[in-house]
Amino acid sequence: MSSNHIATIRKFYEVFTTGDVPGSDQILAADWQPLPAIPENPGGRGGQKSTVHFLRSLLKDLASIVEEVYECD
């Protein structure tokens, strides 16, 4: 796995800690969809931003740390 892929994975989860939802636009495709789908969430970049805001409003000390990244076939 390239270092660019690992950096993207780290950035995806870092947003949950930092709340930097505009940063999601740099790493998510415009048609990105969460799997599994989140009920009542439109998906895409906007849906991900809503998810981050919602979780951070519920969990004030939310922190996400990527310790290891595994490549699967």
PDB file of N, CA and C in Angstrom:
ATOM      1  N   MET A   1       0.861  -1.170   0.000  1.00  0.00           N
ATOM      2  CA  MET A   1       0.000   0.000   0.000  1.00  0.00           C
ATOM      3  C   MET A   1       0.904   1.228   0.000  1.00  0.00           C
ATOM      4  N   SER A   2       0.576   2.179  -0.834  1.00  0.00           N
ATOM      5  CA  SER A   2       1.422   3.363  -0.939  1.00  0.00           C
ATOM      6  C   SER A   2       1.229   4.286   0.260  1.00  0.00           C
ATOM      7  N   SER A   3       2.203   5.124   0.478  1.00  0.00           N
ATOM      8  CA  SER A   3       2.120   6.076   1.590  1.00  0.00           C
ATOM      9  C   SER A   3       0.988   7.075   1.366  1.00  0.00           C
ATOM     10  N   ASN A   4       0.624   7.340   0.094  1.00  0.00           N
ATOM     11  CA  ASN A   4      -0.509   8.231  -0.183  1.00  0.00           C
ATOM     12  C   ASN A   4      -1.818   7.617   0.304  1.00  0.00           C
ATOM     13  N   HIS A   5      -1.981   6.307   0.099  1.00  0.00           N
ATOM     14  CA  HIS A   5      -3.192   5.642   0.561  1.00  0.00           C
ATOM     15  C   HIS A   5      -3.277   5.659   2.085  1.00  0.00           C
ATOM     16  N   ILE A   6      -2.172   5.420   2.722  1.00  0.00           N
ATOM     17  CA  ILE A   6      -2.140   5.425   4.191  1.00  0.00           C
ATOM     18  C   ILE A   6      -2.442   6.825   4.715  1.00  0.00           C
ATOM     19  N   ALA A   7      -1.901   7.846   4.084  1.00  0.00           N
ATOM     20  CA  ALA A   7      -2.176   9.226   4.498  1.00  0.00           C
ATOM     21  C   ALA A   7      -3.659   9.553   4.344  1.00  0.00           C
ATOM     22  N   THR A   8      -4.269   9.061   3.280  1.00  0.00           N
ATOM     23  CA  THR A   8      -5.700   9.292   3.054  1.00  0.00           C
ATOM     24  C   THR A   8      -6.531   8.611   4.129  1.00  0.00           C
ATOM     25  N   ILE A   9      -6.171   7.398   4.481  1.00  0.00           N
ATOM     26  CA  ILE A   9      -6.888   6.675   5.534  1.00  0.00           C
ATOM     27  C   ILE A   9      -6.770   7.431   6.854  1.00  0.00           C
ATOM     28  N   ARG A  10      -5.579   7.875   7.169  1.00  0.00           N
ATOM     29  CA  ARG A  10      -5.377   8.626   8.414  1.00  0.00           C
ATOM     30  C   ARG A  10      -6.201   9.919   8.420  1.00  0.00           C
ATOM     31  N   LYS A  11      -6.239  10.624   7.287  1.00  0.00           N
ATOM     32  CA  LYS A  11      -6.996  11.874   7.194  1.00  0.00           C
ATOM     33  C   LYS A  11      -8.485  11.610   7.380  1.00  0.00           C
ATOM     34  N   PHE A  12      -8.992  10.506   6.780  1.00  0.00           N
ATOM     35  CA  PHE A  12     -10.409  10.164   6.919  1.00  0.00           C
ATOM     36  C   PHE A  12     -10.794  10.082   8.396  1.00  0.00           C
ATOM     37  N   TYR A  13     -10.006   9.388   9.187  1.00  0.00           N
ATOM     38  CA  TYR A  13     -10.332   9.210  10.598  1.00  0.00           C
ATOM     39  C   TYR A  13      -9.942  10.417  11.450  1.00  0.00           C
ATOM     40  N   GLU A  14      -8.943  11.162  11.033  1.00  0.00           N
ATOM     41  CA  GLU A  14      -8.515  12.360  11.760  1.00  0.00           C
ATOM     42  C   GLU A  14      -9.641  13.388  11.837  1.00  0.00           C
ATOM     43  N   VAL A  15     -10.465  13.448  10.804  1.00  0.00           N
ATOM     44  CA  VAL A  15     -11.575  14.405  10.773  1.00  0.00           C
ATOM     45  C   VAL A  15     -12.509  14.206  11.960  1.00  0.00           C
ATOM     46  N   PHE A  16     -12.689  12.961  12.423  1.00  0.00           N
ATOM     47  CA  PHE A  16     -13.547  12.712  13.575  1.00  0.00           C
ATOM     48  C   PHE A  16     -12.954  13.332  14.842  1.00  0.00           C
ATOM     49  N   THR A  17     -11.640  13.416  14.917  1.00  0.00           N
ATOM     50  CA  THR A  17     -10.975  13.997  16.077  1.00  0.00           C
ATOM     51  C   THR A  17     -10.934  15.516  15.989  1.00  0.00           C
ATOM     52  N   THR A  18     -10.582  16.032  14.820  1.00  0.00           N
ATOM     53  CA  THR A  18     -10.370  17.476  14.659  1.00  0.00           C
ATOM     54  C   THR A  18     -11.632  18.249  14.324  1.00  0.00           C
ATOM     55  N   GLY A  19     -12.592  17.578  13.697  1.00  0.00           N
ATOM     56  CA  GLY A  19     -13.786  18.281  13.241  1.00  0.00           C
ATOM     57  C   GLY A  19     -13.560  19.072  11.964  1.00  0.00           C
ATOM     58  N   ASP A  20     -12.420  18.876  11.324  1.00  0.00           N
ATOM     59  CA  ASP A  20     -12.074  19.591  10.089  1.00  0.00           C
ATOM     60  C   ASP A  20     -12.832  18.984   8.913  1.00  0.00           C
ATOM     61  N   VAL A  21     -14.162  19.180   8.896  1.00  0.00           N
ATOM     62  CA  VAL A  21     -14.961  18.558   7.843  1.00  0.00           C
ATOM     63  C   VAL A  21     -14.669  19.094   6.450  1.00  0.00           C
ATOM     64  N   PRO A  22     -14.244  20.358   6.280  1.00  0.00           N
ATOM     65  CA  PRO A  22     -13.866  20.757   4.919  1.00  0.00           C
ATOM     66  C   PRO A  22     -12.724  19.901   4.368  1.00  0.00           C
ATOM     67  N   GLY A  23     -11.898  19.353   5.238  1.00  0.00           N
ATOM     68  CA  GLY A  23     -10.816  18.480   4.821  1.00  0.00           C
ATOM     69  C   GLY A  23     -11.317  17.205   4.168  1.00  0.00           C
ATOM     70  N   SER A  24     -12.569  16.835   4.451  1.00  0.00           N
ATOM     71  CA  SER A  24     -13.157  15.639   3.842  1.00  0.00           C
ATOM     72  C   SER A  24     -13.252  15.777   2.332  1.00  0.00           C
ATOM     73  N   ASP A  25     -13.456  16.993   1.851  1.00  0.00           N
ATOM     74  CA  ASP A  25     -13.581  17.213   0.406  1.00  0.00           C
ATOM     75  C   ASP A  25     -12.312  16.823  -0.338  1.00  0.00           C
ATOM     76  N   GLN A  26     -11.178  16.889   0.331  1.00  0.00           N
ATOM     77  CA  GLN A  26      -9.903  16.552  -0.302  1.00  0.00           C
ATOM     78  C   GLN A  26      -9.712  15.051  -0.452  1.00  0.00           C
ATOM     79  N   ILE A  27     -10.403  14.262   0.346  1.00  0.00           N
ATOM     80  CA  ILE A  27     -10.130  12.821   0.333  1.00  0.00           C
ATOM     81  C   ILE A  27     -11.305  11.958  -0.111  1.00  0.00           C
ATOM     82  N   LEU A  28     -12.519  12.512  -0.118  1.00  0.00           N
ATOM     83  CA  LEU A  28     -13.690  11.721  -0.505  1.00  0.00           C
ATOM     84  C   LEU A  28     -14.126  12.059  -1.925  1.00  0.00           C
ATOM     85  N   ALA A  29     -14.426  11.042  -2.688  1.00  0.00           N
ATOM     86  CA  ALA A  29     -14.994  11.256  -4.021  1.00  0.00           C
ATOM     87  C   ALA A  29     -16.368  11.897  -3.869  1.00  0.00           C
ATOM     88  N   ALA A  30     -16.783  12.656  -4.858  1.00  0.00           N
ATOM     89  CA  ALA A  30     -18.073  13.344  -4.801  1.00  0.00           C
ATOM     90  C   ALA A  30     -19.228  12.365  -4.618  1.00  0.00           C
ATOM     91  N   ASP A  31     -19.095  11.156  -5.157  1.00  0.00           N
ATOM     92  CA  ASP A  31     -20.170  10.164  -5.053  1.00  0.00           C
ATOM     93  C   ASP A  31     -19.897   9.118  -3.967  1.00  0.00           C
ATOM     94  N   TRP A  32     -19.026   9.429  -3.029  1.00  0.00           N
ATOM     95  CA  TRP A  32     -18.674   8.502  -1.952  1.00  0.00           C
ATOM     96  C   TRP A  32     -19.919   8.132  -1.151  1.00  0.00           C
ATOM     97  N   GLN A  33     -20.005   6.868  -0.765  1.00  0.00           N
ATOM     98  CA  GLN A  33     -21.117   6.388   0.063  1.00  0.00           C
ATOM     99  C   GLN A  33     -20.564   5.529   1.195  1.00  0.00           C
ATOM    100  N   PRO A  34     -21.073   5.715   2.414  1.00  0.00           N
ATOM    101  CA  PRO A  34     -20.625   4.867   3.515  1.00  0.00           C
ATOM    102  C   PRO A  34     -21.192   3.460   3.364  1.00  0.00           C
ATOM    103  N   LEU A  35     -20.433   2.497   3.775  1.00  0.00           N
ATOM    104  CA  LEU A  35     -20.889   1.110   3.777  1.00  0.00           C
ATOM    105  C   LEU A  35     -20.717   0.551   5.177  1.00  0.00           C
ATOM    106  N   PRO A  36     -21.741   0.092   5.816  1.00  0.00           N
ATOM    107  CA  PRO A  36     -23.111   0.067   5.337  1.00  0.00           C
ATOM    108  C   PRO A  36     -23.703   1.476   5.336  1.00  0.00           C
ATOM    109  N   ALA A  37     -24.775   1.653   4.581  1.00  0.00           N
ATOM    110  CA  ALA A  37     -25.440   2.952   4.505  1.00  0.00           C
ATOM    111  C   ALA A  37     -25.950   3.354   5.881  1.00  0.00           C
ATOM    112  N   ILE A  38     -25.936   4.638   6.140  1.00  0.00           N
ATOM    113  CA  ILE A  38     -26.415   5.165   7.419  1.00  0.00           C
ATOM    114  C   ILE A  38     -27.867   5.609   7.213  1.00  0.00           C
ATOM    115  N   PRO A  39     -28.822   5.072   7.978  1.00  0.00           N
ATOM    116  CA  PRO A  39     -30.227   5.444   7.792  1.00  0.00           C
ATOM    117  C   PRO A  39     -30.432   6.960   7.865  1.00  0.00           C
ATOM    118  N   GLU A  40     -31.230   7.467   6.967  1.00  0.00           N
ATOM    119  CA  GLU A  40     -31.581   8.888   6.893  1.00  0.00           C
ATOM    120  C   GLU A  40     -30.391   9.792   6.625  1.00  0.00           C
ATOM    121  N   ASN A  41     -29.314   9.241   6.111  1.00  0.00           N
ATOM    122  CA  ASN A  41     -28.136  10.033   5.745  1.00  0.00           C
ATOM    123  C   ASN A  41     -28.032   9.985   4.226  1.00  0.00           C
ATOM    124  N   PRO A  42     -27.921  11.160   3.572  1.00  0.00           N
ATOM    125  CA  PRO A  42     -27.895  11.176   2.113  1.00  0.00           C
ATOM    126  C   PRO A  42     -26.613  10.629   1.502  1.00  0.00           C
ATOM    127  N   GLY A  43     -25.611  10.386   2.321  1.00  0.00           N
ATOM    128  CA  GLY A  43     -24.331   9.912   1.803  1.00  0.00           C
ATOM    129  C   GLY A  43     -23.555  11.047   1.157  1.00  0.00           C
ATOM    130  N   GLY A  44     -22.544  10.697   0.415  1.00  0.00           N
ATOM    131  CA  GLY A  44     -21.698  11.705  -0.219  1.00  0.00           C
ATOM    132  C   GLY A  44     -20.911  12.504   0.797  1.00  0.00           C
ATOM    133  N   ARG A  45     -20.236  13.516   0.296  1.00  0.00           N
ATOM    134  CA  ARG A  45     -19.422  14.362   1.185  1.00  0.00           C
ATOM    135  C   ARG A  45     -20.273  15.061   2.234  1.00  0.00           C
ATOM    136  N   GLY A  46     -21.431  15.565   1.821  1.00  0.00           N
ATOM    137  CA  GLY A  46     -22.311  16.263   2.762  1.00  0.00           C
ATOM    138  C   GLY A  46     -22.801  15.362   3.868  1.00  0.00           C
ATOM    139  N   GLY A  47     -23.148  14.134   3.505  1.00  0.00           N
ATOM    140  CA  GLY A  47     -23.591  13.184   4.516  1.00  0.00           C
ATOM    141  C   GLY A  47     -22.498  12.847   5.507  1.00  0.00           C
ATOM    142  N   GLN A  48     -21.261  12.724   5.007  1.00  0.00           N
ATOM    143  CA  GLN A  48     -20.135  12.428   5.900  1.00  0.00           C
ATOM    144  C   GLN A  48     -19.899  13.593   6.857  1.00  0.00           C
ATOM    145  N   LYS A  49     -20.006  14.802   6.344  1.00  0.00           N
ATOM    146  CA  LYS A  49     -19.839  15.978   7.207  1.00  0.00           C
ATOM    147  C   LYS A  49     -20.905  15.994   8.296  1.00  0.00           C
ATOM    148  N   SER A  50     -22.141  15.669   7.924  1.00  0.00           N
ATOM    149  CA  SER A  50     -23.222  15.616   8.905  1.00  0.00           C
ATOM    150  C   SER A  50     -22.946  14.555   9.969  1.00  0.00           C
ATOM    151  N   THR A  51     -22.436  13.409   9.537  1.00  0.00           N
ATOM    152  CA  THR A  51     -22.108  12.336  10.468  1.00  0.00           C
ATOM    153  C   THR A  51     -21.048  12.783  11.462  1.00  0.00           C
ATOM    154  N   VAL A  52     -20.004  13.430  10.957  1.00  0.00           N
ATOM    155  CA  VAL A  52     -18.927  13.911  11.838  1.00  0.00           C
ATOM    156  C   VAL A  52     -19.476  14.927  12.830  1.00  0.00           C
ATOM    157  N   HIS A  53     -20.259  15.898  12.358  1.00  0.00           N
ATOM    158  CA  HIS A  53     -20.839  16.906  13.260  1.00  0.00           C
ATOM    159  C   HIS A  53     -21.727  16.241  14.314  1.00  0.00           C
ATOM    160  N   PHE A  54     -22.546  15.283  13.884  1.00  0.00           N
ATOM    161  CA  PHE A  54     -23.448  14.596  14.812  1.00  0.00           C
ATOM    162  C   PHE A  54     -22.669  13.848  15.890  1.00  0.00           C
ATOM    163  N   LEU A  55     -21.690  13.054  15.475  1.00  0.00           N
ATOM    164  CA  LEU A  55     -20.912  12.283  16.448  1.00  0.00           C
ATOM    165  C   LEU A  55     -20.137  13.185  17.403  1.00  0.00           C
ATOM    166  N   ARG A  56     -19.569  14.272  16.873  1.00  0.00           N
ATOM    167  CA  ARG A  56     -18.812  15.182  17.734  1.00  0.00           C
ATOM    168  C   ARG A  56     -19.730  15.937  18.695  1.00  0.00           C
ATOM    169  N   SER A  57     -20.991  16.139  18.323  1.00  0.00           N
ATOM    170  CA  SER A  57     -21.923  16.802  19.236  1.00  0.00           C
ATOM    171  C   SER A  57     -22.323  15.874  20.382  1.00  0.00           C
ATOM    172  N   LEU A  58     -22.346  14.575  20.117  1.00  0.00           N
ATOM    173  CA  LEU A  58     -22.690  13.598  21.145  1.00  0.00           C
ATOM    174  C   LEU A  58     -21.505  13.217  22.017  1.00  0.00           C
ATOM    175  N   LEU A  59     -20.343  13.113  21.389  1.00  0.00           N
ATOM    176  CA  LEU A  59     -19.143  12.623  22.067  1.00  0.00           C
ATOM    177  C   LEU A  59     -18.090  13.730  22.063  1.00  0.00           C
ATOM    178  N   LYS A  60     -18.141  14.570  23.062  1.00  0.00           N
ATOM    179  CA  LYS A  60     -17.280  15.764  23.101  1.00  0.00           C
ATOM    180  C   LYS A  60     -15.794  15.437  23.056  1.00  0.00           C
ATOM    181  N   ASP A  61     -15.398  14.299  23.581  1.00  0.00           N
ATOM    182  CA  ASP A  61     -13.984  13.909  23.600  1.00  0.00           C
ATOM    183  C   ASP A  61     -13.651  12.876  22.535  1.00  0.00           C
ATOM    184  N   LEU A  62     -14.427  12.864  21.460  1.00  0.00           N
ATOM    185  CA  LEU A  62     -14.214  11.885  20.399  1.00  0.00           C
ATOM    186  C   LEU A  62     -12.804  12.016  19.827  1.00  0.00           C
ATOM    187  N   ALA A  63     -12.095  10.917  19.797  1.00  0.00           N
ATOM    188  CA  ALA A  63     -10.754  10.886  19.225  1.00  0.00           C
ATOM    189  C   ALA A  63     -10.589   9.581  18.461  1.00  0.00           C
ATOM    190  N   SER A  64      -9.986   9.688  17.321  1.00  0.00           N
ATOM    191  CA  SER A  64      -9.759   8.519  16.479  1.00  0.00           C
ATOM    192  C   SER A  64      -8.270   8.441  16.171  1.00  0.00           C
ATOM    193  N   ILE A  65      -7.682   7.299  16.449  1.00  0.00           N
ATOM    194  CA  ILE A  65      -6.251   7.106  16.223  1.00  0.00           C
ATOM    195  C   ILE A  65      -6.060   5.874  15.352  1.00  0.00           C
ATOM    196  N   VAL A  66      -5.389   6.045  14.229  1.00  0.00           N
ATOM    197  CA  VAL A  66      -5.073   4.920  13.357  1.00  0.00           C
ATOM    198  C   VAL A  66      -3.721   4.388  13.805  1.00  0.00           C
ATOM    199  N   GLU A  67      -3.718   3.196  14.341  1.00  0.00           N
ATOM    200  CA  GLU A  67      -2.470   2.610  14.815  1.00  0.00           C
ATOM    201  C   GLU A  67      -1.792   1.769  13.755  1.00  0.00           C
ATOM    202  N   GLU A  68      -2.591   1.044  12.982  1.00  0.00           N
ATOM    203  CA  GLU A  68      -2.035   0.188  11.934  1.00  0.00           C
ATOM    204  C   GLU A  68      -2.973   0.166  10.748  1.00  0.00           C
ATOM    205  N   VAL A  69      -2.423  -0.016   9.574  1.00  0.00           N
ATOM    206  CA  VAL A  69      -3.209  -0.158   8.357  1.00  0.00           C
ATOM    207  C   VAL A  69      -2.795  -1.466   7.695  1.00  0.00           C
ATOM    208  N   TYR A  70      -3.778  -2.309   7.426  1.00  0.00           N
ATOM    209  CA  TYR A  70      -3.514  -3.599   6.799  1.00  0.00           C
ATOM    210  C   TYR A  70      -4.047  -3.590   5.371  1.00  0.00           C
ATOM    211  N   GLU A  71      -3.302  -4.164   4.495  1.00  0.00           N
ATOM    212  CA  GLU A  71      -3.727  -4.312   3.117  1.00  0.00           C
ATOM    213  C   GLU A  71      -4.381  -5.674   2.943  1.00  0.00           C
ATOM    214  N   CYS A  72      -5.575  -5.683   2.376  1.00  0.00           N
ATOM    215  CA  CYS A  72      -6.285  -6.933   2.141  1.00  0.00           C
ATOM    216  C   CYS A  72      -6.486  -7.136   0.640  1.00  0.00           C
ATOM    217  N   ASP A  73      -6.468  -8.380   0.242  1.00  0.00           N
ATOM    218  CA  ASP A  73      -6.724  -8.686  -1.170  1.00  0.00           C
ATOM    219  C   ASP A  73      -8.183  -8.894  -1.412  1.00  0.00           C
TER     220      ASP A  73
END
